[in-house]
C-alpha atoms as a PDB file:
ATOM      1  CA  UNK A   1      62.757 -21.137 170.632  1.00  0.00           C
ATOM      2  CA  UNK A   2      64.762 -23.786 172.446  1.00  0.00           C
ATOM      3  CA  UNK A   3      64.868 -25.933 169.292  1.00  0.00           C
ATOM      4  CA  UNK A   4      66.022 -23.005 167.187  1.00  0.00           C
ATOM      5  CA  UNK A   5      68.599 -21.854 169.727  1.00  0.00           C
ATOM      6  CA  UNK A   6      70.040 -25.375 170.003  1.00  0.00           C
ATOM      7  CA  UNK A   7      70.136 -25.950 166.226  1.00  0.00           C
ATOM      8  CA  UNK A   8      71.385 -23.839 163.328  1.00  0.00           C
ATOM      9  CA  UNK A   9      67.957 -23.962 161.680  1.00  0.00           C
ATOM     10  CA  UNK A  10      64.841 -26.120 161.418  1.00  0.00           C
ATOM     11  CA  UNK A  11      62.218 -26.528 158.731  1.00  0.00           C
ATOM     12  CA  UNK A  12      58.477 -26.237 159.293  1.00  0.00           C
ATOM     13  CA  UNK A  13      57.594 -29.916 158.936  1.00  0.00           C
ATOM     14  CA  UNK A  14      60.440 -31.063 161.193  1.00  0.00           C
ATOM     15  CA  UNK A  15      59.398 -28.561 163.865  1.00  0.00           C
ATOM     16  CA  UNK A  16      55.775 -29.668 163.564  1.00  0.00           C
ATOM     17  CA  UNK A  17      56.726 -33.337 163.955  1.00  0.00           C
ATOM     18  CA  UNK A  18      59.122 -32.693 166.835  1.00  0.00           C
ATOM     19  CA  UNK A  19      56.693 -30.523 168.778  1.00  0.00           C
ATOM     20  CA  UNK A  20      53.632 -32.612 167.859  1.00  0.00           C
ATOM     21  CA  UNK A  21      51.483 -29.576 167.048  1.00  0.00           C
ATOM     22  CA  UNK A  22      49.097 -28.716 164.245  1.00  0.00           C
ATOM     23  CA  UNK A  23      50.071 -26.643 161.215  1.00  0.00           C
ATOM     24  CA  UNK A  24      47.928 -23.735 162.383  1.00  0.00           C
ATOM     25  CA  UNK A  25      49.242 -23.764 165.939  1.00  0.00           C
ATOM     26  CA  UNK A  26      52.867 -23.816 164.833  1.00  0.00           C
ATOM     27  CA  UNK A  27      52.287 -21.190 162.140  1.00  0.00           C
ATOM     28  CA  UNK A  28      50.722 -18.768 164.616  1.00  0.00           C
ATOM     29  CA  UNK A  29      53.605 -19.158 167.081  1.00  0.00           C
ATOM     30  CA  UNK A  30      56.211 -18.761 164.347  1.00  0.00           C
ATOM     31  CA  UNK A  31      54.436 -15.681 163.019  1.00  0.00           C
ATOM     32  CA  UNK A  32      54.547 -14.075 166.486  1.00  0.00           C
ATOM     33  CA  UNK A  33      58.268 -14.886 166.832  1.00  0.00           C
ATOM     34  CA  UNK A  34      58.936 -13.466 163.374  1.00  0.00           C
ATOM     35  CA  UNK A  35      56.957 -10.302 164.160  1.00  0.00           C
ATOM     36  CA  UNK A  36      59.115  -9.710 167.251  1.00  0.00           C
ATOM     37  CA  UNK A  37      62.227 -10.405 165.121  1.00  0.00           C
ATOM     38  CA  UNK A  38      63.210 -13.374 167.301  1.00  0.00           C
ATOM     39  CA  UNK A  39      63.533 -15.630 164.253  1.00  0.00           C
ATOM     40  CA  UNK A  40      64.422 -15.285 160.592  1.00  0.00           C
ATOM     41  CA  UNK A  41      62.551 -17.105 157.840  1.00  0.00           C
ATOM     42  CA  UNK A  42      64.108 -18.530 154.681  1.00  0.00           C
ATOM     43  CA  UNK A  43      61.745 -19.796 151.994  1.00  0.00           C
ATOM     44  CA  UNK A  44      63.143 -21.926 149.186  1.00  0.00           C
ATOM     45  CA  UNK A  45      62.356 -24.952 147.065  1.00  0.00           C
ATOM     46  CA  UNK A  46      63.739 -28.472 147.388  1.00  0.00           C
ATOM     47  CA  UNK A  47      63.126 -29.730 143.901  1.00  0.00           C
ATOM     48  CA  UNK A  48      59.565 -28.608 143.289  1.00  0.00           C
ATOM     49  CA  UNK A  49      58.489 -28.632 146.925  1.00  0.00           C
ATOM     50  CA  UNK A  50      58.462 -25.430 148.978  1.00  0.00           C
ATOM     51  CA  UNK A  51      60.635 -25.491 152.082  1.00  0.00           C
ATOM     52  CA  UNK A  52      60.511 -22.934 154.884  1.00  0.00           C
ATOM     53  CA  UNK A  53      63.385 -22.886 157.353  1.00  0.00           C
ATOM     54  CA  UNK A  54      63.552 -20.935 160.592  1.00  0.00           C
ATOM     55  CA  UNK A  55      66.604 -19.689 162.452  1.00  0.00           C
ATOM     56  CA  UNK A  56      66.929 -17.902 165.778  1.00  0.00           C
ATOM     57  CA  UNK A  57      68.113 -14.310 165.349  1.00  0.00           C
ATOM     58  CA  UNK A  58      70.652 -12.635 167.628  1.00  0.00           C
ATOM     59  CA  UNK A  59      67.766 -10.719 169.216  1.00  0.00           C
ATOM     60  CA  UNK A  60      65.843 -13.980 169.730  1.00  0.00           C
ATOM     61  CA  UNK A  61      68.805 -15.761 171.284  1.00  0.00           C
ATOM     62  CA  UNK A  62      69.380 -12.863 173.685  1.00  0.00           C
ATOM     63  CA  UNK A  63      65.678 -12.799 174.653  1.00  0.00           C
ATOM     64  CA  UNK A  64      65.669 -16.573 175.155  1.00  0.00           C
ATOM     65  CA  UNK A  65      68.730 -16.409 177.415  1.00  0.00           C
ATOM     66  CA  UNK A  66      67.097 -13.611 179.416  1.00  0.00           C
ATOM     67  CA  UNK A  67      63.970 -15.768 179.755  1.00  0.00           C
ATOM     68  CA  UNK A  68      66.030 -18.716 181.020  1.00  0.00           C
ATOM     69  CA  UNK A  69      67.755 -16.477 183.559  1.00  0.00           C
ATOM     70  CA  UNK A  70      64.376 -15.273 184.820  1.00  0.00           C
ATOM     71  CA  UNK A  71      63.204 -18.876 185.193  1.00  0.00           C
ATOM     72  CA  UNK A  72      66.400 -19.794 187.053  1.00  0.00           C
ATOM     73  CA  UNK A  73      65.924 -16.862 189.420  1.00  0.00           C
ATOM     74  CA  UNK A  74      62.329 -17.893 190.042  1.00  0.00           C
ATOM     75  CA  UNK A  75      63.459 -21.429 190.892  1.00  0.00           C
ATOM     76  CA  UNK A  76      66.192 -20.130 193.190  1.00  0.00           C
ATOM     77  CA  UNK A  77      63.661 -17.967 195.049  1.00  0.00           C
ATOM     78  CA  UNK A  78      61.429 -20.993 195.603  1.00  0.00           C
ATOM     79  CA  UNK A  79      64.284 -22.922 197.217  1.00  0.00           C
ATOM     80  CA  UNK A  80      64.761 -20.311 199.949  1.00  0.00           C
END
């Protein structure tokens, strides 16, 4: 999610290369994010090659920010 929140969109192969994961691993994570409506999927063709791009939805961005806040609070509690 951090990649998609920080960028307008990302395609499957670029995400796979950046995250250094297998096709199956990435696909299963993206499917879960899509199911929860945290990302949107845009399938198209570049020439004759299929291209799937992913973008963080408003719901996904809000959930990601909430997650970061929870992590920050956890860290703050550990400092006390």
